PDB file of all heavy atoms in Angstrom:
ATOM      1  N   ALA A   1      -2.568   8.729   5.084  1.00  0.00           N
ATOM      2  CA  ALA A   1      -2.189   7.352   4.752  1.00  0.00           C
ATOM      3  C   ALA A   1      -1.333   6.778   5.869  1.00  0.00           C
ATOM      4  O   ALA A   1      -0.591   7.510   6.537  1.00  0.00           O
ATOM      5  CB  ALA A   1      -1.407   7.318   3.439  1.00  0.00           C
ATOM      6  N   PRO A   2      -1.384   5.459   6.076  1.00  0.00           N
ATOM      7  CA  PRO A   2      -0.412   4.829   6.981  1.00  0.00           C
ATOM      8  C   PRO A   2       0.999   5.032   6.425  1.00  0.00           C
ATOM      9  O   PRO A   2       1.220   4.936   5.219  1.00  0.00           O
ATOM     10  CB  PRO A   2      -0.815   3.347   6.952  1.00  0.00           C
ATOM     11  CG  PRO A   2      -2.225   3.321   6.443  1.00  0.00           C
ATOM     12  CD  PRO A   2      -2.346   4.483   5.517  1.00  0.00           C
ATOM     13  N   GLU A   3       1.945   5.308   7.291  1.00  0.00           N
ATOM     14  CA  GLU A   3       3.326   5.524   6.838  1.00  0.00           C
ATOM     15  C   GLU A   3       3.850   4.317   6.056  1.00  0.00           C
ATOM     16  O   GLU A   3       4.606   4.467   5.094  1.00  0.00           O
ATOM     17  CB  GLU A   3       4.230   5.812   8.034  1.00  0.00           C
ATOM     18  CG  GLU A   3       3.993   7.178   8.669  1.00  0.00           C
ATOM     19  CD  GLU A   3       4.918   7.436   9.848  1.00  0.00           C
ATOM     20  OE1 GLU A   3       5.673   6.511  10.225  1.00  0.00           O
ATOM     21  OE2 GLU A   3       4.880   8.554  10.392  1.00  0.00           O
ATOM     22  N   ALA A   4       3.433   3.109   6.467  1.00  0.00           N
ATOM     23  CA  ALA A   4       3.917   1.900   5.810  1.00  0.00           C
ATOM     24  C   ALA A   4       3.334   1.725   4.414  1.00  0.00           C
ATOM     25  O   ALA A   4       3.784   0.863   3.650  1.00  0.00           O
ATOM     26  CB  ALA A   4       3.587   0.675   6.660  1.00  0.00           C
ATOM     27  N   MET A   5       2.335   2.525   4.059  1.00  0.00           N
ATOM     28  CA  MET A   5       1.695   2.415   2.753  1.00  0.00           C
ATOM     29  C   MET A   5       1.911   3.667   1.911  1.00  0.00           C
ATOM     30  O   MET A   5       1.112   3.984   1.028  1.00  0.00           O
ATOM     31  CB  MET A   5       0.206   2.111   2.904  1.00  0.00           C
ATOM     32  CG  MET A   5      -0.068   0.770   3.533  1.00  0.00           C
ATOM     33  SD  MET A   5      -1.810   0.335   3.533  1.00  0.00           S
ATOM     34  CE  MET A   5      -1.788  -1.172   4.508  1.00  0.00           C
ATOM     35  N   ALA A   6       2.994   4.370   2.192  1.00  0.00           N
ATOM     36  CA  ALA A   6       3.396   5.532   1.393  1.00  0.00           C
ATOM     37  C   ALA A   6       4.816   5.289   0.898  1.00  0.00           C
ATOM     38  O   ALA A   6       5.722   5.036   1.696  1.00  0.00           O
ATOM     39  CB  ALA A   6       3.327   6.808   2.230  1.00  0.00           C
ATOM     40  N   TRP A   7       4.987   5.331  -0.411  1.00  0.00           N
ATOM     41  CA  TRP A   7       6.279   5.014  -1.022  1.00  0.00           C
ATOM     42  C   TRP A   7       6.791   6.214  -1.799  1.00  0.00           C
ATOM     43  O   TRP A   7       6.015   6.915  -2.494  1.00  0.00           O
ATOM     44  CB  TRP A   7       6.147   3.825  -1.967  1.00  0.00           C
ATOM     45  CG  TRP A   7       5.716   2.572  -1.274  1.00  0.00           C
ATOM     46  CD1 TRP A   7       6.516   1.630  -0.692  1.00  0.00           C
ATOM     47  CD2 TRP A   7       4.371   2.106  -1.070  1.00  0.00           C
ATOM     48  NE1 TRP A   7       5.765   0.618  -0.140  1.00  0.00           N
ATOM     49  CE2 TRP A   7       4.444   0.883  -0.357  1.00  0.00           C
ATOM     50  CE3 TRP A   7       3.109   2.616  -1.426  1.00  0.00           C
ATOM     51  CZ2 TRP A   7       3.314   0.161   0.003  1.00  0.00           C
ATOM     52  CZ3 TRP A   7       1.989   1.903  -1.065  1.00  0.00           C
ATOM     53  CH2 TRP A   7       2.091   0.690  -0.360  1.00  0.00           C
ATOM     54  N   ASN A   8       8.096   6.463  -1.689  1.00  0.00           N
ATOM     55  CA  ASN A   8       8.694   7.571  -2.431  1.00  0.00           C
ATOM     56  C   ASN A   8       8.580   7.321  -3.932  1.00  0.00           C
ATOM     57  O   ASN A   8       8.773   6.198  -4.403  1.00  0.00           O
ATOM     58  CB  ASN A   8      10.161   7.738  -2.047  1.00  0.00           C
ATOM     59  CG  ASN A   8      10.336   8.233  -0.623  1.00  0.00           C
ATOM     60  OD1 ASN A   8       9.463   8.893  -0.068  1.00  0.00           O
ATOM     61  ND2 ASN A   8      11.465   7.901  -0.019  1.00  0.00           N
ATOM     62  N   VAL A   9       8.293   8.383  -4.674  1.00  0.00           N
ATOM     63  CA  VAL A   9       8.185   8.296  -6.130  1.00  0.00           C
ATOM     64  C   VAL A   9       9.538   8.650  -6.737  1.00  0.00           C
ATOM     65  O   VAL A   9      10.076   9.727  -6.472  1.00  0.00           O
ATOM     66  CB  VAL A   9       7.099   9.247  -6.667  1.00  0.00           C
ATOM     67  CG1 VAL A   9       7.020   9.161  -8.189  1.00  0.00           C
ATOM     68  CG2 VAL A   9       5.749   8.926  -6.038  1.00  0.00           C
ATOM     69  N   PRO A  10      10.109   7.772  -7.547  1.00  0.00           N
ATOM     70  CA  PRO A  10      11.423   8.064  -8.136  1.00  0.00           C
ATOM     71  C   PRO A  10      11.380   9.284  -9.042  1.00  0.00           C
ATOM     72  O   PRO A  10      10.332   9.627  -9.613  1.00  0.00           O
ATOM     73  CB  PRO A  10      11.730   6.797  -8.954  1.00  0.00           C
ATOM     74  CG  PRO A  10      10.860   5.735  -8.391  1.00  0.00           C
ATOM     75  CD  PRO A  10       9.628   6.430  -7.918  1.00  0.00           C
ATOM     76  N   GLU A  11      12.528   9.937  -9.185  1.00  0.00           N
ATOM     77  CA  GLU A  11      12.644  11.056 -10.111  1.00  0.00           C
ATOM     78  C   GLU A  11      12.287  10.597 -11.522  1.00  0.00           C
ATOM     79  O   GLU A  11      12.625   9.488 -11.928  1.00  0.00           O
ATOM     80  CB  GLU A  11      14.067  11.610 -10.097  1.00  0.00           C
ATOM     81  CG  GLU A  11      14.451  12.312  -8.813  1.00  0.00           C
ATOM     82  CD  GLU A  11      13.645  13.584  -8.572  1.00  0.00           C
ATOM     83  OE1 GLU A  11      13.262  14.236  -9.566  1.00  0.00           O
ATOM     84  OE2 GLU A  11      13.382  13.909  -7.402  1.00  0.00           O
ATOM     85  N   GLY A  12      11.603  11.441 -12.234  1.00  0.00           N
ATOM     86  CA  GLY A  12      11.251  11.124 -13.615  1.00  0.00           C
ATOM     87  C   GLY A  12       9.956  10.355 -13.776  1.00  0.00           C
ATOM     88  O   GLY A  12       9.531  10.108 -14.906  1.00  0.00           O
ATOM     89  N   VAL A  13       9.330   9.950 -12.671  1.00  0.00           N
ATOM     90  CA  VAL A  13       8.048   9.245 -12.734  1.00  0.00           C
ATOM     91  C   VAL A  13       6.932  10.246 -12.468  1.00  0.00           C
ATOM     92  O   VAL A  13       6.885  10.862 -11.401  1.00  0.00           O
ATOM     93  CB  VAL A  13       7.991   8.095 -11.716  1.00  0.00           C
ATOM     94  CG1 VAL A  13       6.604   7.467 -11.688  1.00  0.00           C
ATOM     95  CG2 VAL A  13       9.044   7.055 -12.035  1.00  0.00           C
ATOM     96  N   ASP A  14       6.051  10.431 -13.439  1.00  0.00           N
ATOM     97  CA  ASP A  14       4.986  11.428 -13.281  1.00  0.00           C
ATOM     98  C   ASP A  14       3.845  10.881 -12.429  1.00  0.00           C
ATOM     99  O   ASP A  14       3.817   9.700 -12.056  1.00  0.00           O
ATOM    100  CB  ASP A  14       4.480  11.915 -14.646  1.00  0.00           C
ATOM    101  CG  ASP A  14       3.901  10.804 -15.513  1.00  0.00           C
ATOM    102  OD1 ASP A  14       3.463   9.770 -14.956  1.00  0.00           O
ATOM    103  OD2 ASP A  14       3.857  10.974 -16.743  1.00  0.00           O
ATOM    104  N   ASP A  15       2.889  11.771 -12.100  1.00  0.00           N
ATOM    105  CA  ASP A  15       1.787  11.383 -11.217  1.00  0.00           C
ATOM    106  C   ASP A  15       0.989  10.218 -11.780  1.00  0.00           C
ATOM    107  O   ASP A  15       0.637   9.283 -11.058  1.00  0.00           O
ATOM    108  CB  ASP A  15       0.849  12.578 -10.999  1.00  0.00           C
ATOM    109  CG  ASP A  15       1.419  13.622 -10.053  1.00  0.00           C
ATOM    110  OD1 ASP A  15       2.472  13.359  -9.441  1.00  0.00           O
ATOM    111  OD2 ASP A  15       0.801  14.700  -9.919  1.00  0.00           O
ATOM    112  N   ALA A  16       0.678  10.276 -13.073  1.00  0.00           N
ATOM    113  CA  ALA A  16      -0.147   9.230 -13.680  1.00  0.00           C
ATOM    114  C   ALA A  16       0.534   7.876 -13.590  1.00  0.00           C
ATOM    115  O   ALA A  16      -0.103   6.859 -13.275  1.00  0.00           O
ATOM    116  CB  ALA A  16      -0.462   9.584 -15.131  1.00  0.00           C
ATOM    117  N   THR A  17       1.830   7.844 -13.844  1.00  0.00           N
ATOM    118  CA  THR A  17       2.561   6.581 -13.791  1.00  0.00           C
ATOM    119  C   THR A  17       2.647   6.057 -12.366  1.00  0.00           C
ATOM    120  O   THR A  17       2.473   4.863 -12.116  1.00  0.00           O
ATOM    121  CB  THR A  17       3.960   6.761 -14.390  1.00  0.00           C
ATOM    122  OG1 THR A  17       3.841   7.195 -15.748  1.00  0.00           O
ATOM    123  CG2 THR A  17       4.749   5.464 -14.348  1.00  0.00           C
ATOM    124  N   ALA A  18       2.927   6.949 -11.421  1.00  0.00           N
ATOM    125  CA  ALA A  18       3.008   6.526 -10.024  1.00  0.00           C
ATOM    126  C   ALA A  18       1.692   5.904  -9.567  1.00  0.00           C
ATOM    127  O   ALA A  18       1.673   4.841  -8.931  1.00  0.00           O
ATOM    128  CB  ALA A  18       3.377   7.715  -9.139  1.00  0.00           C
ATOM    129  N   LEU A  19       0.579   6.548  -9.905  1.00  0.00           N
ATOM    130  CA  LEU A  19      -0.720   6.028  -9.498  1.00  0.00           C
ATOM    131  C   LEU A  19      -1.058   4.738 -10.238  1.00  0.00           C
ATOM    132  O   LEU A  19      -1.666   3.830  -9.675  1.00  0.00           O
ATOM    133  CB  LEU A  19      -1.805   7.076  -9.742  1.00  0.00           C
ATOM    134  CG  LEU A  19      -1.827   8.236  -8.740  1.00  0.00           C
ATOM    135  CD1 LEU A  19      -2.762   9.338  -9.214  1.00  0.00           C
ATOM    136  CD2 LEU A  19      -2.246   7.745  -7.350  1.00  0.00           C
ATOM    137  N   ALA A  20      -0.664   4.647 -11.485  1.00  0.00           N
ATOM    138  CA  ALA A  20      -0.938   3.422 -12.243  1.00  0.00           C
ATOM    139  C   ALA A  20      -0.235   2.223 -11.631  1.00  0.00           C
ATOM    140  O   ALA A  20      -0.756   1.101 -11.664  1.00  0.00           O
ATOM    141  CB  ALA A  20      -0.507   3.603 -13.694  1.00  0.00           C
ATOM    142  N   MET A  21       0.941   2.440 -11.067  1.00  0.00           N
ATOM    143  CA  MET A  21       1.713   1.315 -10.548  1.00  0.00           C
ATOM    144  C   MET A  21       1.249   0.858  -9.168  1.00  0.00           C
ATOM    145  O   MET A  21       1.327  -0.328  -8.851  1.00  0.00           O
ATOM    146  CB  MET A  21       3.203   1.667 -10.497  1.00  0.00           C
ATOM    147  CG  MET A  21       3.823   1.949 -11.846  1.00  0.00           C
ATOM    148  SD  MET A  21       3.563   0.618 -13.040  1.00  0.00           S
ATOM    149  CE  MET A  21       3.561   1.550 -14.575  1.00  0.00           C
ATOM    150  N   VAL A  22       0.746   1.743  -8.336  1.00  0.00           N
ATOM    151  CA  VAL A  22       0.544   1.392  -6.935  1.00  0.00           C
ATOM    152  C   VAL A  22      -0.626   0.434  -6.726  1.00  0.00           C
ATOM    153  O   VAL A  22      -0.601  -0.379  -5.789  1.00  0.00           O
ATOM    154  CB  VAL A  22       0.377   2.657  -6.063  1.00  0.00           C
ATOM    155  CG1 VAL A  22      -0.991   3.301  -6.248  1.00  0.00           C
ATOM    156  CG2 VAL A  22       0.630   2.334  -4.593  1.00  0.00           C
ATOM    157  N   VAL A  23      -1.651   0.470  -7.544  1.00  0.00           N
ATOM    158  CA  VAL A  23      -2.746  -0.495  -7.432  1.00  0.00           C
ATOM    159  C   VAL A  23      -2.792  -1.389  -8.659  1.00  0.00           C
ATOM    160  O   VAL A  23      -2.689  -2.613  -8.574  1.00  0.00           O
ATOM    161  CB  VAL A  23      -4.104   0.203  -7.227  1.00  0.00           C
ATOM    162  CG1 VAL A  23      -5.257  -0.777  -7.435  1.00  0.00           C
ATOM    163  CG2 VAL A  23      -4.185   0.790  -5.831  1.00  0.00           C
ATOM    164  N   GLN A  24      -2.914  -0.784  -9.832  1.00  0.00           N
ATOM    165  CA  GLN A  24      -3.110  -1.587 -11.044  1.00  0.00           C
ATOM    166  C   GLN A  24      -1.826  -2.308 -11.459  1.00  0.00           C
ATOM    167  O   GLN A  24      -1.856  -3.484 -11.815  1.00  0.00           O
ATOM    168  CB  GLN A  24      -3.652  -0.687 -12.153  1.00  0.00           C
ATOM    169  CG  GLN A  24      -5.080  -0.245 -11.825  1.00  0.00           C
ATOM    170  CD  GLN A  24      -5.506   1.015 -12.538  1.00  0.00           C
ATOM    171  OE1 GLN A  24      -4.708   1.887 -12.847  1.00  0.00           O
ATOM    172  NE2 GLN A  24      -6.794   1.123 -12.800  1.00  0.00           N
ATOM    173  N   GLY A  25      -0.695  -1.610 -11.373  1.00  0.00           N
ATOM    174  CA  GLY A  25       0.568  -2.271 -11.672  1.00  0.00           C
ATOM    175  C   GLY A  25       0.880  -3.363 -10.677  1.00  0.00           C
ATOM    176  O   GLY A  25       1.293  -4.469 -11.055  1.00  0.00           O
ATOM    177  N   ALA A  26       0.683  -3.072  -9.398  1.00  0.00           N
ATOM    178  CA  ALA A  26       0.937  -4.086  -8.370  1.00  0.00           C
ATOM    179  C   ALA A  26      -0.012  -5.266  -8.529  1.00  0.00           C
ATOM    180  O   ALA A  26       0.376  -6.423  -8.302  1.00  0.00           O
ATOM    181  CB  ALA A  26       0.807  -3.470  -6.990  1.00  0.00           C
ATOM    182  N   SER A  27      -1.254  -5.002  -8.927  1.00  0.00           N
ATOM    183  CA  SER A  27      -2.200  -6.098  -9.154  1.00  0.00           C
ATOM    184  C   SER A  27      -1.733  -6.985 -10.298  1.00  0.00           C
ATOM    185  O   SER A  27      -1.746  -8.219 -10.189  1.00  0.00           O
ATOM    186  CB  SER A  27      -3.595  -5.535  -9.457  1.00  0.00           C
ATOM    187  OG  SER A  27      -4.138  -4.872  -8.336  1.00  0.00           O
ATOM    188  N   ALA A  28      -1.329  -6.366 -11.414  1.00  0.00           N
ATOM    189  CA  ALA A  28      -0.829  -7.152 -12.548  1.00  0.00           C
ATOM    190  C   ALA A  28       0.411  -7.949 -12.150  1.00  0.00           C
ATOM    191  O   ALA A  28       0.575  -9.114 -12.535  1.00  0.00           O
ATOM    192  CB  ALA A  28      -0.524  -6.229 -13.725  1.00  0.00           C
ATOM    193  N   TRP A  29       1.301  -7.337 -11.375  1.00  0.00           N
ATOM    194  CA  TRP A  29       2.523  -8.004 -10.898  1.00  0.00           C
ATOM    195  C   TRP A  29       2.169  -9.223 -10.053  1.00  0.00           C
ATOM    196  O   TRP A  29       2.705 -10.310 -10.252  1.00  0.00           O
ATOM    197  CB  TRP A  29       3.349  -6.998 -10.097  1.00  0.00           C
ATOM    198  CG  TRP A  29       4.726  -7.422  -9.688  1.00  0.00           C
ATOM    199  CD1 TRP A  29       5.894  -7.143 -10.319  1.00  0.00           C
ATOM    200  CD2 TRP A  29       5.086  -8.184  -8.503  1.00  0.00           C
ATOM    201  NE1 TRP A  29       6.962  -7.670  -9.631  1.00  0.00           N
ATOM    202  CE2 TRP A  29       6.494  -8.313  -8.521  1.00  0.00           C
ATOM    203  CE3 TRP A  29       4.361  -8.744  -7.459  1.00  0.00           C
ATOM    204  CZ2 TRP A  29       7.180  -8.999  -7.508  1.00  0.00           C
ATOM    205  CZ3 TRP A  29       5.045  -9.437  -6.466  1.00  0.00           C
ATOM    206  CH2 TRP A  29       6.435  -9.548  -6.499  1.00  0.00           C
ATOM    207  N   LEU A  30       1.257  -9.047  -9.104  1.00  0.00           N
ATOM    208  CA  LEU A  30       0.869 -10.147  -8.226  1.00  0.00           C
ATOM    209  C   LEU A  30       0.157 -11.254  -8.990  1.00  0.00           C
ATOM    210  O   LEU A  30       0.385 -12.443  -8.739  1.00  0.00           O
ATOM    211  CB  LEU A  30      -0.034  -9.633  -7.102  1.00  0.00           C
ATOM    212  CG  LEU A  30       0.672  -8.879  -5.979  1.00  0.00           C
ATOM    213  CD1 LEU A  30      -0.329  -8.089  -5.165  1.00  0.00           C
ATOM    214  CD2 LEU A  30       1.430  -9.863  -5.077  1.00  0.00           C
ATOM    215  N   LEU A  31      -0.723 -10.881  -9.915  1.00  0.00           N
ATOM    216  CA  LEU A  31      -1.437 -11.885 -10.694  1.00  0.00           C
ATOM    217  C   LEU A  31      -0.457 -12.784 -11.446  1.00  0.00           C
ATOM    218  O   LEU A  31      -0.586 -14.010 -11.433  1.00  0.00           O
ATOM    219  CB  LEU A  31      -2.390 -11.206 -11.677  1.00  0.00           C
ATOM    220  CG  LEU A  31      -3.644 -10.572 -11.062  1.00  0.00           C
ATOM    221  CD1 LEU A  31      -4.294  -9.619 -12.058  1.00  0.00           C
ATOM    222  CD2 LEU A  31      -4.636 -11.652 -10.632  1.00  0.00           C
ATOM    223  N   LEU A  32       0.521 -12.172 -12.100  1.00  0.00           N
ATOM    224  CA  LEU A  32       1.447 -12.940 -12.919  1.00  0.00           C
ATOM    225  C   LEU A  32       2.538 -13.625 -12.099  1.00  0.00           C
ATOM    226  O   LEU A  32       2.920 -14.765 -12.386  1.00  0.00           O
ATOM    227  CB  LEU A  32       2.079 -12.031 -13.978  1.00  0.00           C
ATOM    228  CG  LEU A  32       1.117 -11.544 -15.067  1.00  0.00           C
ATOM    229  CD1 LEU A  32       1.744 -10.424 -15.886  1.00  0.00           C
ATOM    230  CD2 LEU A  32       0.698 -12.701 -15.974  1.00  0.00           C
ATOM    231  N   ARG A  33       3.029 -12.950 -11.073  1.00  0.00           N
ATOM    232  CA  ARG A  33       4.118 -13.511 -10.273  1.00  0.00           C
ATOM    233  C   ARG A  33       3.613 -14.519  -9.229  1.00  0.00           C
ATOM    234  O   ARG A  33       4.223 -15.571  -9.013  1.00  0.00           O
ATOM    235  CB  ARG A  33       4.870 -12.388  -9.556  1.00  0.00           C
ATOM    236  CG  ARG A  33       5.770 -11.537 -10.451  1.00  0.00           C
ATOM    237  CD  ARG A  33       7.057 -12.276 -10.742  1.00  0.00           C
ATOM    238  NE  ARG A  33       8.109 -11.387 -11.210  1.00  0.00           N
ATOM    239  CZ  ARG A  33       8.823 -11.589 -12.317  1.00  0.00           C
ATOM    240  NH1 ARG A  33       8.564 -12.636 -13.087  1.00  0.00           N
ATOM    241  NH2 ARG A  33       9.782 -10.756 -12.667  1.00  0.00           N
ATOM    242  N   ARG A  34       2.518 -14.185  -8.556  1.00  0.00           N
ATOM    243  CA  ARG A  34       2.084 -14.968  -7.402  1.00  0.00           C
ATOM    244  C   ARG A  34       0.884 -15.870  -7.691  1.00  0.00           C
ATOM    245  O   ARG A  34       0.832 -17.003  -7.226  1.00  0.00           O
ATOM    246  CB  ARG A  34       1.737 -14.027  -6.241  1.00  0.00           C
ATOM    247  CG  ARG A  34       2.949 -13.339  -5.607  1.00  0.00           C
ATOM    248  CD  ARG A  34       3.565 -14.248  -4.557  1.00  0.00           C
ATOM    249  NE  ARG A  34       4.700 -13.631  -3.898  1.00  0.00           N
ATOM    250  CZ  ARG A  34       5.034 -13.881  -2.634  1.00  0.00           C
ATOM    251  NH1 ARG A  34       4.307 -14.687  -1.905  1.00  0.00           N
ATOM    252  NH2 ARG A  34       6.099 -13.314  -2.101  1.00  0.00           N
ATOM    253  N   SER A  35      -0.117 -15.341  -8.419  1.00  0.00           N
ATOM    254  CA  SER A  35      -1.350 -16.109  -8.602  1.00  0.00           C
ATOM    255  C   SER A  35      -1.202 -17.205  -9.637  1.00  0.00           C
ATOM    256  O   SER A  35      -1.661 -18.330  -9.429  1.00  0.00           O
ATOM    257  CB  SER A  35      -2.501 -15.170  -9.003  1.00  0.00           C
ATOM    258  OG  SER A  35      -2.758 -14.222  -7.989  1.00  0.00           O
ATOM    259  N   VAL A  36      -0.579 -16.901 -10.777  1.00  0.00           N
ATOM    260  CA  VAL A  36      -0.470 -17.904 -11.847  1.00  0.00           C
ATOM    261  C   VAL A  36       0.957 -18.376 -12.069  1.00  0.00           C
ATOM    262  O   VAL A  36       1.172 -19.326 -12.811  1.00  0.00           O
ATOM    263  CB  VAL A  36      -1.052 -17.372 -13.183  1.00  0.00           C
ATOM    264  CG1 VAL A  36      -2.497 -16.958 -12.997  1.00  0.00           C
ATOM    265  CG2 VAL A  36      -0.221 -16.224 -13.744  1.00  0.00           C
ATOM    266  N   HIS A  37       1.949 -17.724 -11.441  1.00  0.00           N
ATOM    267  CA  HIS A  37       3.355 -18.132 -11.567  1.00  0.00           C
ATOM    268  C   HIS A  37       3.726 -18.324 -13.041  1.00  0.00           C
ATOM    269  O   HIS A  37       4.133 -19.409 -13.466  1.00  0.00           O
ATOM    270  CB  HIS A  37       3.625 -19.405 -10.762  1.00  0.00           C
ATOM    271  CG  HIS A  37       3.348 -19.261  -9.300  1.00  0.00           C
ATOM    272  ND1 HIS A  37       4.233 -18.654  -8.430  1.00  0.00           N
ATOM    273  CD2 HIS A  37       2.270 -19.606  -8.556  1.00  0.00           C
ATOM    274  CE1 HIS A  37       3.720 -18.661  -7.209  1.00  0.00           C
ATOM    275  NE2 HIS A  37       2.532 -19.223  -7.260  1.00  0.00           N
ATOM    276  N   LEU A  38       3.582 -17.257 -13.817  1.00  0.00           N
ATOM    277  CA  LEU A  38       3.847 -17.310 -15.255  1.00  0.00           C
ATOM    278  C   LEU A  38       5.245 -17.849 -15.537  1.00  0.00           C
ATOM    279  O   LEU A  38       6.236 -17.402 -14.951  1.00  0.00           O
ATOM    280  CB  LEU A  38       3.713 -15.908 -15.857  1.00  0.00           C
ATOM    281  CG  LEU A  38       4.061 -15.780 -17.346  1.00  0.00           C
ATOM    282  CD1 LEU A  38       3.076 -16.561 -18.194  1.00  0.00           C
ATOM    283  CD2 LEU A  38       4.100 -14.310 -17.746  1.00  0.00           C
ATOM    284  N   ALA A  39       5.318 -18.800 -16.451  1.00  0.00           N
ATOM    285  CA  ALA A  39       6.593 -19.357 -16.900  1.00  0.00           C
ATOM    286  C   ALA A  39       6.861 -18.895 -18.323  1.00  0.00           C
ATOM    287  O   ALA A  39       5.929 -18.719 -19.117  1.00  0.00           O
ATOM    288  CB  ALA A  39       6.560 -20.875 -16.831  1.00  0.00           C
ATOM    289  N   PRO A  40       8.131 -18.687 -18.678  1.00  0.00           N
ATOM    290  CA  PRO A  40       8.456 -18.280 -20.045  1.00  0.00           C
ATOM    291  C   PRO A  40       7.876 -19.254 -21.065  1.00  0.00           C
ATOM    292  O   PRO A  40       7.878 -20.469 -20.862  1.00  0.00           O
ATOM    293  CB  PRO A  40       9.992 -18.300 -20.059  1.00  0.00           C
ATOM    294  CG  PRO A  40      10.387 -18.080 -18.634  1.00  0.00           C
ATOM    295  CD  PRO A  40       9.337 -18.787 -17.830  1.00  0.00           C
ATOM    296  N   GLY A  41       7.350 -18.696 -22.151  1.00  0.00           N
ATOM    297  CA  GLY A  41       6.806 -19.504 -23.224  1.00  0.00           C
ATOM    298  C   GLY A  41       5.338 -19.824 -23.103  1.00  0.00           C
ATOM    299  O   GLY A  41       4.731 -20.332 -24.053  1.00  0.00           O
TER     300      GLY A  41
END
């Protein structure tokens, strides 16, 4: 992997959770934060 695309996994985060966040979690984050700019309510 490129060094810039490897992130340390915090203690207590298992493999499944780490992998879920790096593509699917980040995608959900970007969709809501950047693509649609979700507002409360």
